[in-house]
């Protein structure tokens, strides 16, 4: 797989639009947040696989690069979740509300 591409000026707008769609499902269809998250993860995996497959000349080359493709997307996701985890940990009360007391 190729290296991570630079984020363009619309990167966050696209991400926010997808988050808004998930929030809409939660708010209007009364979908539990975990179910909306599962759908986002599934859609991302399916779309990422399509993007990867489309970058190869044939199915054999695609199949031969399976482990590298999975590692690439797994590493991308891990970096992004670590970025957001740190942000939420530092801003928990602001983002989530008053800390829950045990």
C-alpha atoms as a PDB file:
ATOM      1  CA  UNK A   1       0.000   0.000   0.000  1.00  0.00           C
ATOM      2  CA  UNK A   2       1.049   3.552  -0.589  1.00  0.00           C
ATOM      3  CA  UNK A   3       1.970   6.039   2.076  1.00  0.00           C
ATOM      4  CA  UNK A   4      -0.667   8.096   3.841  1.00  0.00           C
ATOM      5  CA  UNK A   5      -1.797  11.005   1.717  1.00  0.00           C
ATOM      6  CA  UNK A   6      -1.763  14.551   3.025  1.00  0.00           C
ATOM      7  CA  UNK A   7      -5.091  15.771   4.337  1.00  0.00           C
ATOM      8  CA  UNK A   8      -6.693  18.208   1.927  1.00  0.00           C
ATOM      9  CA  UNK A   9      -8.767  21.254   2.881  1.00  0.00           C
ATOM     10  CA  UNK A  10     -11.990  19.197   2.851  1.00  0.00           C
ATOM     11  CA  UNK A  11     -10.713  16.315   4.996  1.00  0.00           C
ATOM     12  CA  UNK A  12     -12.462  17.430   8.183  1.00  0.00           C
ATOM     13  CA  UNK A  13     -15.632  18.474   6.339  1.00  0.00           C
ATOM     14  CA  UNK A  14     -15.996  14.946   4.941  1.00  0.00           C
ATOM     15  CA  UNK A  15     -15.309  13.378   8.340  1.00  0.00           C
ATOM     16  CA  UNK A  16     -17.799  15.715  10.012  1.00  0.00           C
ATOM     17  CA  UNK A  17     -20.443  14.846   7.389  1.00  0.00           C
ATOM     18  CA  UNK A  18     -20.044  11.134   8.154  1.00  0.00           C
ATOM     19  CA  UNK A  19     -20.232  11.790  11.887  1.00  0.00           C
ATOM     20  CA  UNK A  20     -23.350  13.913  11.343  1.00  0.00           C
ATOM     21  CA  UNK A  21     -24.940  11.034   9.425  1.00  0.00           C
ATOM     22  CA  UNK A  22     -24.212   8.638  12.297  1.00  0.00           C
ATOM     23  CA  UNK A  23     -25.572  11.176  14.797  1.00  0.00           C
ATOM     24  CA  UNK A  24     -28.694  11.536  12.667  1.00  0.00           C
ATOM     25  CA  UNK A  25     -29.253   7.778  12.881  1.00  0.00           C
ATOM     26  CA  UNK A  26     -28.814   7.966  16.644  1.00  0.00           C
ATOM     27  CA  UNK A  27     -31.135  10.959  17.049  1.00  0.00           C
ATOM     28  CA  UNK A  28     -33.894  10.217  14.529  1.00  0.00           C
ATOM     29  CA  UNK A  29     -33.866   6.446  14.148  1.00  0.00           C
ATOM     30  CA  UNK A  30     -33.077   5.939  17.824  1.00  0.00           C
ATOM     31  CA  UNK A  31     -30.138   3.734  16.955  1.00  0.00           C
ATOM     32  CA  UNK A  32     -27.887   2.946  19.885  1.00  0.00           C
ATOM     33  CA  UNK A  33     -24.501   4.700  19.492  1.00  0.00           C
ATOM     34  CA  UNK A  34     -22.645   1.364  19.525  1.00  0.00           C
ATOM     35  CA  UNK A  35     -24.727   0.159  16.561  1.00  0.00           C
ATOM     36  CA  UNK A  36     -24.053   3.358  14.618  1.00  0.00           C
ATOM     37  CA  UNK A  37     -20.353   2.905  15.372  1.00  0.00           C
ATOM     38  CA  UNK A  38     -20.443  -0.688  14.111  1.00  0.00           C
ATOM     39  CA  UNK A  39     -21.994   0.522  10.862  1.00  0.00           C
ATOM     40  CA  UNK A  40     -19.320   3.207  10.453  1.00  0.00           C
ATOM     41  CA  UNK A  41     -16.547   0.681  11.059  1.00  0.00           C
ATOM     42  CA  UNK A  42     -18.079  -1.768   8.588  1.00  0.00           C
ATOM     43  CA  UNK A  43     -18.521   0.931   5.949  1.00  0.00           C
ATOM     44  CA  UNK A  44     -14.951   2.118   6.434  1.00  0.00           C
ATOM     45  CA  UNK A  45     -13.578  -1.412   6.110  1.00  0.00           C
ATOM     46  CA  UNK A  46     -15.611  -2.073   2.972  1.00  0.00           C
ATOM     47  CA  UNK A  47     -14.690   1.239   1.369  1.00  0.00           C
ATOM     48  CA  UNK A  48     -11.002   0.884   2.297  1.00  0.00           C
ATOM     49  CA  UNK A  49     -10.926  -2.584   0.752  1.00  0.00           C
ATOM     50  CA  UNK A  50     -12.471  -1.207  -2.440  1.00  0.00           C
ATOM     51  CA  UNK A  51      -9.918   1.644  -2.556  1.00  0.00           C
ATOM     52  CA  UNK A  52      -7.087  -0.851  -2.103  1.00  0.00           C
ATOM     53  CA  UNK A  53      -8.432  -3.285  -4.701  1.00  0.00           C
ATOM     54  CA  UNK A  54      -8.889  -0.497  -7.252  1.00  0.00           C
ATOM     55  CA  UNK A  55      -5.206   0.409  -6.963  1.00  0.00           C
ATOM     56  CA  UNK A  56      -4.036  -2.968  -8.303  1.00  0.00           C
ATOM     57  CA  UNK A  57      -3.808  -4.229 -11.881  1.00  0.00           C
ATOM     58  CA  UNK A  58      -5.425  -7.575 -11.085  1.00  0.00           C
ATOM     59  CA  UNK A  59      -6.875  -9.729  -8.335  1.00  0.00           C
ATOM     60  CA  UNK A  60      -3.749 -11.818  -7.927  1.00  0.00           C
ATOM     61  CA  UNK A  61      -1.581  -8.788  -7.127  1.00  0.00           C
ATOM     62  CA  UNK A  62      -4.279  -7.582  -4.742  1.00  0.00           C
ATOM     63  CA  UNK A  63      -4.453 -10.958  -2.961  1.00  0.00           C
ATOM     64  CA  UNK A  64      -0.661 -11.130  -2.709  1.00  0.00           C
ATOM     65  CA  UNK A  65      -0.562  -7.771  -0.917  1.00  0.00           C
ATOM     66  CA  UNK A  66      -3.280  -8.672   1.611  1.00  0.00           C
ATOM     67  CA  UNK A  67      -1.140  -8.472   4.759  1.00  0.00           C
ATOM     68  CA  UNK A  68       0.422  -5.142   3.752  1.00  0.00           C
ATOM     69  CA  UNK A  69      -3.008  -3.682   2.974  1.00  0.00           C
ATOM     70  CA  UNK A  70      -4.465  -4.793   6.303  1.00  0.00           C
ATOM     71  CA  UNK A  71      -1.409  -3.524   8.177  1.00  0.00           C
ATOM     72  CA  UNK A  72      -1.599  -0.159   6.396  1.00  0.00           C
ATOM     73  CA  UNK A  73      -5.249   0.464   7.260  1.00  0.00           C
ATOM     74  CA  UNK A  74      -4.877  -0.934  10.786  1.00  0.00           C
ATOM     75  CA  UNK A  75      -1.957   1.409  11.464  1.00  0.00           C
ATOM     76  CA  UNK A  76      -3.893   4.364  10.049  1.00  0.00           C
ATOM     77  CA  UNK A  77      -6.851   3.608  12.324  1.00  0.00           C
ATOM     78  CA  UNK A  78      -4.607   3.123  15.358  1.00  0.00           C
ATOM     79  CA  UNK A  79      -2.913   6.496  14.809  1.00  0.00           C
ATOM     80  CA  UNK A  80      -6.262   8.242  14.460  1.00  0.00           C
ATOM     81  CA  UNK A  81      -7.811   6.607  17.521  1.00  0.00           C
ATOM     82  CA  UNK A  82      -4.713   7.457  19.583  1.00  0.00           C
ATOM     83  CA  UNK A  83      -5.009  11.101  18.483  1.00  0.00           C
ATOM     84  CA  UNK A  84      -8.665  11.267  19.517  1.00  0.00           C
ATOM     85  CA  UNK A  85      -8.156   9.276  22.722  1.00  0.00           C
ATOM     86  CA  UNK A  86      -5.558  11.775  23.903  1.00  0.00           C
ATOM     87  CA  UNK A  87      -7.867  14.672  23.032  1.00  0.00           C
ATOM     88  CA  UNK A  88     -10.856  13.145  24.854  1.00  0.00           C
ATOM     89  CA  UNK A  89      -8.744  12.202  27.873  1.00  0.00           C
ATOM     90  CA  UNK A  90      -7.495  15.784  28.173  1.00  0.00           C
ATOM     91  CA  UNK A  91     -10.939  17.329  27.571  1.00  0.00           C
ATOM     92  CA  UNK A  92     -13.228  14.721  29.100  1.00  0.00           C
ATOM     93  CA  UNK A  93     -15.368  17.095  31.172  1.00  0.00           C
ATOM     94  CA  UNK A  94     -15.839  19.462  28.243  1.00  0.00           C
ATOM     95  CA  UNK A  95     -16.703  16.779  25.669  1.00  0.00           C
ATOM     96  CA  UNK A  96     -18.634  14.310  27.829  1.00  0.00           C
ATOM     97  CA  UNK A  97     -19.871  16.524  30.637  1.00  0.00           C
ATOM     98  CA  UNK A  98     -19.290  16.362  34.337  1.00  0.00           C
ATOM     99  CA  UNK A  99     -17.096  13.411  35.239  1.00  0.00           C
ATOM    100  CA  UNK A 100     -19.051  10.418  36.407  1.00  0.00           C
ATOM    101  CA  UNK A 101     -18.346   9.617  40.034  1.00  0.00           C
ATOM    102  CA  UNK A 102     -18.165   6.045  41.236  1.00  0.00           C
END
